C-alpha atoms as a PDB file:
ATOM      1  CA  MET A   1       0.000   0.000   0.000  1.00  0.00           C
ATOM      2  CA  PRO A   2       1.489   3.415  -0.926  1.00  0.00           C
ATOM      3  CA  HIS A   3       2.331   5.653   2.000  1.00  0.00           C
ATOM      4  CA  HIS A   4       1.299   8.903   0.313  1.00  0.00           C
ATOM      5  CA  LYS A   5      -2.132  10.461  -0.008  1.00  0.00           C
ATOM      6  CA  LYS A   6      -3.720  12.412  -2.809  1.00  0.00           C
ATOM      7  CA  ASN A   7      -3.234  16.127  -2.219  1.00  0.00           C
ATOM      8  CA  ASP A   8      -2.351  19.298  -4.135  1.00  0.00           C
ATOM      9  CA  CYS A   9       0.953  17.718  -5.217  1.00  0.00           C
ATOM     10  CA  TYR A  10      -0.624  14.616  -6.754  1.00  0.00           C
ATOM     11  CA  PRO A  11      -1.430  16.199 -10.172  1.00  0.00           C
ATOM     12  CA  ASP A  12       2.279  16.939 -10.714  1.00  0.00           C
ATOM     13  CA  LEU A  13       3.156  13.332  -9.899  1.00  0.00           C
ATOM     14  CA  CYS A  14       0.444  12.174 -12.333  1.00  0.00           C
ATOM     15  CA  ARG A  15       2.029  14.317 -15.079  1.00  0.00           C
ATOM     16  CA  LEU A  16       5.462  12.791 -14.359  1.00  0.00           C
ATOM     17  CA  MET A  17       4.101   9.240 -14.420  1.00  0.00           C
ATOM     18  CA  SER A  18       2.010   9.963 -17.507  1.00  0.00           C
ATOM     19  CA  TYR A  19       5.032  11.295 -19.368  1.00  0.00           C
ATOM     20  CA  THR A  20       7.214   8.407 -18.181  1.00  0.00           C
ATOM     21  CA  HIS A  21       4.710   5.717 -19.198  1.00  0.00           C
ATOM     22  CA  HIS A  22       2.937   7.287 -22.203  1.00  0.00           C
ATOM     23  CA  GLY A  23       4.999  10.243 -23.474  1.00  0.00           C
ATOM     24  CA  ASN A  24       2.290  12.810 -22.719  1.00  0.00           C
ATOM     25  CA  LEU A  25       1.061  14.752 -19.687  1.00  0.00           C
ATOM     26  CA  THR A  26      -2.614  13.790 -19.708  1.00  0.00           C
ATOM     27  CA  SER A  27      -2.865   9.984 -19.574  1.00  0.00           C
ATOM     28  CA  TYR A  28      -3.334   9.935 -15.801  1.00  0.00           C
ATOM     29  CA  PRO A  29      -5.930  12.539 -14.749  1.00  0.00           C
ATOM     30  CA  ALA A  30      -5.332  13.203 -11.055  1.00  0.00           C
ATOM     31  CA  LYS A  31      -8.986  12.956 -10.011  1.00  0.00           C
ATOM     32  CA  MET A  32      -9.517   9.551 -11.634  1.00  0.00           C
ATOM     33  CA  THR A  33      -6.075   7.987 -11.189  1.00  0.00           C
ATOM     34  CA  PRO A  34      -5.595   5.647  -8.249  1.00  0.00           C
ATOM     35  CA  MET A  35      -2.468   5.994  -6.164  1.00  0.00           C
ATOM     36  CA  PHE A  36       0.700   4.739  -7.770  1.00  0.00           C
ATOM     37  CA  SER A  37       2.397   1.752  -6.190  1.00  0.00           C
ATOM     38  CA  GLN A  38       5.643   2.214  -4.321  1.00  0.00           C
ATOM     39  CA  ALA A  39       7.344  -0.080  -6.837  1.00  0.00           C
ATOM     40  CA  SER A  40       6.366   2.211  -9.743  1.00  0.00           C
ATOM     41  CA  LEU A  41       7.555   5.282  -7.838  1.00  0.00           C
ATOM     42  CA  ILE A  42      10.843   3.652  -6.848  1.00  0.00           C
ATOM     43  CA  ALA A  43      11.393   2.692 -10.509  1.00  0.00           C
ATOM     44  CA  LEU A  44      11.574   6.366 -11.518  1.00  0.00           C
ATOM     45  CA  THR A  45      15.006   7.591 -12.569  1.00  0.00           C
ATOM     46  CA  PRO A  46      16.557  11.053 -12.863  1.00  0.00           C
ATOM     47  CA  GLU A  47      16.397  10.648 -16.658  1.00  0.00           C
ATOM     48  CA  ASP A  48      12.602  10.300 -16.402  1.00  0.00           C
ATOM     49  CA  VAL A  49      12.404  13.473 -14.315  1.00  0.00           C
ATOM     50  CA  VAL A  50      14.732  15.432 -16.626  1.00  0.00           C
ATOM     51  CA  LYS A  51      12.841  14.404 -19.770  1.00  0.00           C
ATOM     52  CA  CYS A  52       9.516  15.294 -18.125  1.00  0.00           C
ATOM     53  CA  PHE A  53      10.806  18.715 -17.007  1.00  0.00           C
ATOM     54  CA  ASN A  54      12.184  19.378 -20.487  1.00  0.00           C
ATOM     55  CA  PHE A  55       8.901  18.336 -22.077  1.00  0.00           C
ATOM     56  CA  ILE A  56       6.910  20.574 -19.702  1.00  0.00           C
ATOM     57  CA  THR A  57       9.278  23.523 -20.216  1.00  0.00           C
ATOM     58  CA  TYR A  58      10.277  23.248 -23.872  1.00  0.00           C
ATOM     59  CA  GLY A  59       7.690  20.921 -25.403  1.00  0.00           C
ATOM     60  CA  ASN A  60      10.614  18.636 -26.258  1.00  0.00           C
ATOM     61  CA  PRO A  61      12.272  16.003 -24.008  1.00  0.00           C
ATOM     62  CA  MET A  62      15.713  16.647 -25.545  1.00  0.00           C
ATOM     63  CA  PRO A  63      16.013  20.409 -26.253  1.00  0.00           C
ATOM     64  CA  ALA A  64      19.089  21.954 -27.813  1.00  0.00           C
ATOM     65  CA  LEU A  65      21.427  23.743 -25.411  1.00  0.00           C
ATOM     66  CA  ASN A  66      20.561  27.150 -26.902  1.00  0.00           C
ATOM     67  CA  GLU A  67      16.796  26.539 -27.010  1.00  0.00           C
ATOM     68  CA  LEU A  68      14.800  29.004 -24.929  1.00  0.00           C
ATOM     69  CA  PRO A  69      12.080  27.856 -22.506  1.00  0.00           C
ATOM     70  CA  LYS A  70       8.617  28.307 -24.012  1.00  0.00           C
ATOM     71  CA  HIS A  71       6.130  27.162 -21.400  1.00  0.00           C
ATOM     72  CA  MET A  72       7.557  27.446 -17.873  1.00  0.00           C
ATOM     73  CA  ARG A  73       9.847  29.581 -15.778  1.00  0.00           C
ATOM     74  CA  LYS A  74      12.294  28.634 -13.037  1.00  0.00           C
ATOM     75  CA  TYR A  75      10.016  28.955 -10.027  1.00  0.00           C
ATOM     76  CA  THR A  76       7.188  27.014 -11.657  1.00  0.00           C
ATOM     77  CA  ILE A  77       9.448  24.042 -12.404  1.00  0.00           C
ATOM     78  CA  GLN A  78      10.995  24.367  -8.947  1.00  0.00           C
ATOM     79  CA  HIS A  79       7.522  24.109  -7.405  1.00  0.00           C
ATOM     80  CA  LYS A  80       6.679  21.085  -9.580  1.00  0.00           C
ATOM     81  CA  LYS A  81       9.939  19.404  -8.516  1.00  0.00           C
ATOM     82  CA  LYS A  82       9.084  19.883  -4.852  1.00  0.00           C
ATOM     83  CA  ALA A  83       5.553  18.591  -5.421  1.00  0.00           C
ATOM     84  CA  MET A  84       6.817  15.474  -7.188  1.00  0.00           C
ATOM     85  CA  SER A  85       9.547  14.972  -4.615  1.00  0.00           C
ATOM     86  CA  SER A  86       7.069  14.991  -1.749  1.00  0.00           C
ATOM     87  CA  GLN A  87       5.193  12.055  -3.309  1.00  0.00           C
ATOM     88  CA  ILE A  88       8.226   9.804  -3.883  1.00  0.00           C
ATOM     89  CA  PRO A  89       8.973   7.296  -1.074  1.00  0.00           C
ATOM     90  CA  HIS A  90      12.741   7.883  -0.828  1.00  0.00           C
ATOM     91  CA  HIS A  91      13.579  11.340   0.458  1.00  0.00           C
ATOM     92  CA  GLY A  92      17.362  11.279   0.212  1.00  0.00           C
ATOM     93  CA  GLU A  93      19.605  12.553  -2.555  1.00  0.00           C
ATOM     94  CA  TRP A  94      19.855  10.278  -5.602  1.00  0.00           C
ATOM     95  CA  ASN A  95      22.790   7.869  -5.405  1.00  0.00           C
ATOM     96  CA  THR A  96      24.172   7.266  -8.906  1.00  0.00           C
ATOM     97  CA  VAL A  97      26.030   4.124  -7.809  1.00  0.00           C
ATOM     98  CA  THR A  98      23.155   2.229  -6.166  1.00  0.00           C
ATOM     99  CA  TYR A  99      20.312   3.922  -8.147  1.00  0.00           C
ATOM    100  CA  HIS A 100      18.546   4.586  -4.894  1.00  0.00           C
ATOM    101  CA  GLY A 101      17.011   7.732  -3.499  1.00  0.00           C
ATOM    102  CA  ASN A 102      14.767  10.462  -4.784  1.00  0.00           C
ATOM    103  CA  PRO A 103      15.311  11.040  -8.546  1.00  0.00           C
ATOM    104  CA  THR A 104      14.102  14.648  -8.275  1.00  0.00           C
ATOM    105  CA  GLN A 105      17.076  15.336  -5.990  1.00  0.00           C
ATOM    106  CA  ASP A 106      19.612  14.326  -8.650  1.00  0.00           C
ATOM    107  CA  LYS A 107      22.062  16.932  -9.917  1.00  0.00           C
ATOM    108  CA  SER A 108      20.681  16.666 -13.460  1.00  0.00           C
ATOM    109  CA  ALA A 109      17.201  17.772 -12.302  1.00  0.00           C
ATOM    110  CA  LEU A 110      18.724  20.612 -10.296  1.00  0.00           C
ATOM    111  CA  ALA A 111      20.812  21.626 -13.343  1.00  0.00           C
ATOM    112  CA  ILE A 112      17.628  22.218 -15.363  1.00  0.00           C
ATOM    113  CA  ILE A 113      16.357  24.602 -12.706  1.00  0.00           C
ATOM    114  CA  ALA A 114      19.704  26.434 -12.666  1.00  0.00           C
ATOM    115  CA  ARG A 115      19.615  26.691 -16.473  1.00  0.00           C
ATOM    116  CA  LEU A 116      16.094  28.133 -16.357  1.00  0.00           C
ATOM    117  CA  GLY A 117      17.309  30.609 -13.757  1.00  0.00           C
ATOM    118  CA  LYS A 118      19.988  31.855 -16.143  1.00  0.00           C
ATOM    119  CA  PHE A 119      17.478  32.349 -18.956  1.00  0.00           C
ATOM    120  CA  GLN A 120      15.153  34.143 -16.546  1.00  0.00           C
ATOM    121  CA  THR A 121      17.973  36.421 -15.354  1.00  0.00           C
ATOM    122  CA  TRP A 122      18.820  37.279 -18.956  1.00  0.00           C
ATOM    123  CA  HIS A 123      15.110  38.008 -19.665  1.00  0.00           C
ATOM    124  CA  GLN A 124      14.972  35.239 -22.249  1.00  0.00           C
ATOM    125  CA  GLY A 125      12.437  32.474 -22.747  1.00  0.00           C
ATOM    126  CA  LYS A 126       8.965  32.500 -21.246  1.00  0.00           C
ATOM    127  CA  ALA A 127       7.921  36.006 -20.268  1.00  0.00           C
ATOM    128  CA  SER A 128       6.840  36.789 -16.741  1.00  0.00           C
ATOM    129  CA  GLN A 129       3.106  36.734 -16.069  1.00  0.00           C
ATOM    130  CA  VAL A 130       3.307  39.001 -13.037  1.00  0.00           C
ATOM    131  CA  GLU A 131       0.468  41.488 -12.949  1.00  0.00           C
ATOM    132  CA  ARG A 132       1.339  45.165 -13.038  1.00  0.00           C
ATOM    133  CA  ASP A 133      -0.525  48.450 -12.982  1.00  0.00           C
ATOM    134  CA  LEU A 134      -2.161  49.764 -16.129  1.00  0.00           C
ATOM    135  CA  THR A 135      -0.132  52.630 -17.580  1.00  0.00           C
ATOM    136  CA  MET A 136      -1.743  55.869 -18.741  1.00  0.00           C
ATOM    137  CA  PRO A 137      -0.963  55.236 -22.456  1.00  0.00           C
ATOM    138  CA  GLU A 138      -2.553  51.776 -22.143  1.00  0.00           C
ATOM    139  CA  PHE A 139      -5.620  53.280 -20.462  1.00  0.00           C
ATOM    140  CA  ASN A 140      -5.931  55.899 -23.223  1.00  0.00           C
ATOM    141  CA  LEU A 141      -5.676  53.145 -25.837  1.00  0.00           C
ATOM    142  CA  VAL A 142      -8.493  51.226 -24.127  1.00  0.00           C
ATOM    143  CA  LEU A 143     -10.651  54.368 -24.131  1.00  0.00           C
ATOM    144  CA  ASP A 144      -9.884  54.987 -27.816  1.00  0.00           C
ATOM    145  CA  VAL A 145     -10.994  51.454 -28.672  1.00  0.00           C
ATOM    146  CA  LEU A 146     -14.132  51.760 -26.567  1.00  0.00           C
ATOM    147  CA  ASP A 147     -14.966  55.189 -28.052  1.00  0.00           C
ATOM    148  CA  ALA A 148     -14.473  53.995 -31.644  1.00  0.00           C
ATOM    149  CA  ASP A 149     -18.182  53.135 -32.066  1.00  0.00           C
ATOM    150  CA  CYS A 150     -20.128  55.808 -30.191  1.00  0.00           C
ATOM    151  CA  ASN A 151     -23.370  54.865 -31.968  1.00  0.00           C
ATOM    152  CA  ASN A 152     -23.562  51.623 -30.028  1.00  0.00           C
ATOM    153  CA  TRP A 153     -24.822  52.090 -26.433  1.00  0.00           C
ATOM    154  CA  SER A 154     -23.316  48.755 -25.383  1.00  0.00           C
ATOM    155  CA  ASP A 155     -19.790  49.855 -26.318  1.00  0.00           C
ATOM    156  CA  MET A 156     -20.281  53.395 -24.984  1.00  0.00           C
ATOM    157  CA  LYS A 157     -21.343  52.247 -21.506  1.00  0.00           C
ATOM    158  CA  HIS A 158     -18.042  50.380 -21.029  1.00  0.00           C
ATOM    159  CA  ALA A 159     -16.087  53.568 -21.772  1.00  0.00           C
ATOM    160  CA  VAL A 160     -18.244  55.514 -19.294  1.00  0.00           C
ATOM    161  CA  VAL A 161     -17.672  52.863 -16.593  1.00  0.00           C
ATOM    162  CA  ALA A 162     -13.898  52.913 -17.200  1.00  0.00           C
ATOM    163  CA  ARG A 163     -13.758  56.716 -16.906  1.00  0.00           C
ATOM    164  CA  THR A 164     -15.883  56.671 -13.750  1.00  0.00           C
ATOM    165  CA  GLN A 165     -13.665  54.069 -12.103  1.00  0.00           C
ATOM    166  CA  PHE A 166     -10.572  56.058 -13.042  1.00  0.00           C
ATOM    167  CA  HIS A 167     -11.938  59.238 -11.441  1.00  0.00           C
ATOM    168  CA  VAL A 168     -13.268  57.551  -8.292  1.00  0.00           C
ATOM    169  CA  ILE A 169      -9.978  55.747  -7.684  1.00  0.00           C
ATOM    170  CA  GLY A 170      -7.969  58.902  -8.456  1.00  0.00           C
ATOM    171  CA  ARG A 171     -10.045  61.029  -6.104  1.00  0.00           C
ATOM    172  CA  GLY A 172      -9.758  58.361  -3.406  1.00  0.00           C
ATOM    173  CA  ASN A 173      -5.979  58.495  -3.720  1.00  0.00           C
ATOM    174  CA  ASP A 174      -6.040  62.314  -3.593  1.00  0.00           C
ATOM    175  CA  ILE A 175      -8.202  62.353  -0.466  1.00  0.00           C
ATOM    176  CA  LEU A 176      -6.051  59.744   1.248  1.00  0.00           C
ATOM    177  CA  GLY A 177      -2.910  61.699   0.350  1.00  0.00           C
ATOM    178  CA  HIS A 178      -4.341  64.926   1.797  1.00  0.00           C
ATOM    179  CA  LYS A 179      -5.483  63.189   4.951  1.00  0.00           C
ATOM    180  CA  LEU A 180      -2.096  61.571   5.549  1.00  0.00           C
ATOM    181  CA  HIS A 181      -0.140  64.770   4.839  1.00  0.00           C
ATOM    182  CA  GLY A 182      -2.619  66.992   6.707  1.00  0.00           C
ATOM    183  CA  GLU A 183      -2.394  65.101  10.010  1.00  0.00           C
END
């Protein structure tokens, strides 16, 4: 009987096992897949983990050295590695002599994360999806698009709502600024 339980990390393990057994990421849906046996988890190797990470990141299990990551960034793969690692029975570093331990702890898996970190530092590969504030030129562009068809009430009401929100938020900031500086 496997010692692990299904949790938030289980979908990442299902993707690893699906790639290892079938060459895709969707053969074992997490909600319908029973727990994997300890024997199948112990049979995983660092090569399986590396190929899965490459497939998730590049769409190719054997990317060229100069190929840029297309689908994932460093911290996403790092999180997936930790999730997979928590589901594997052996929690020690991978021993290349005895082929025993946790394959996600092997140096080859850690090297992929380091490589992704370099691409991320150089602003190459998958772009960041971090949310940021809307700039004034972007806001003006949105208003121009919304104002393009003033004959249509449906389109015009969205422009009016956007302008109203802009003024209410701006006035709220002004009032808060005066109150803080006026104390």
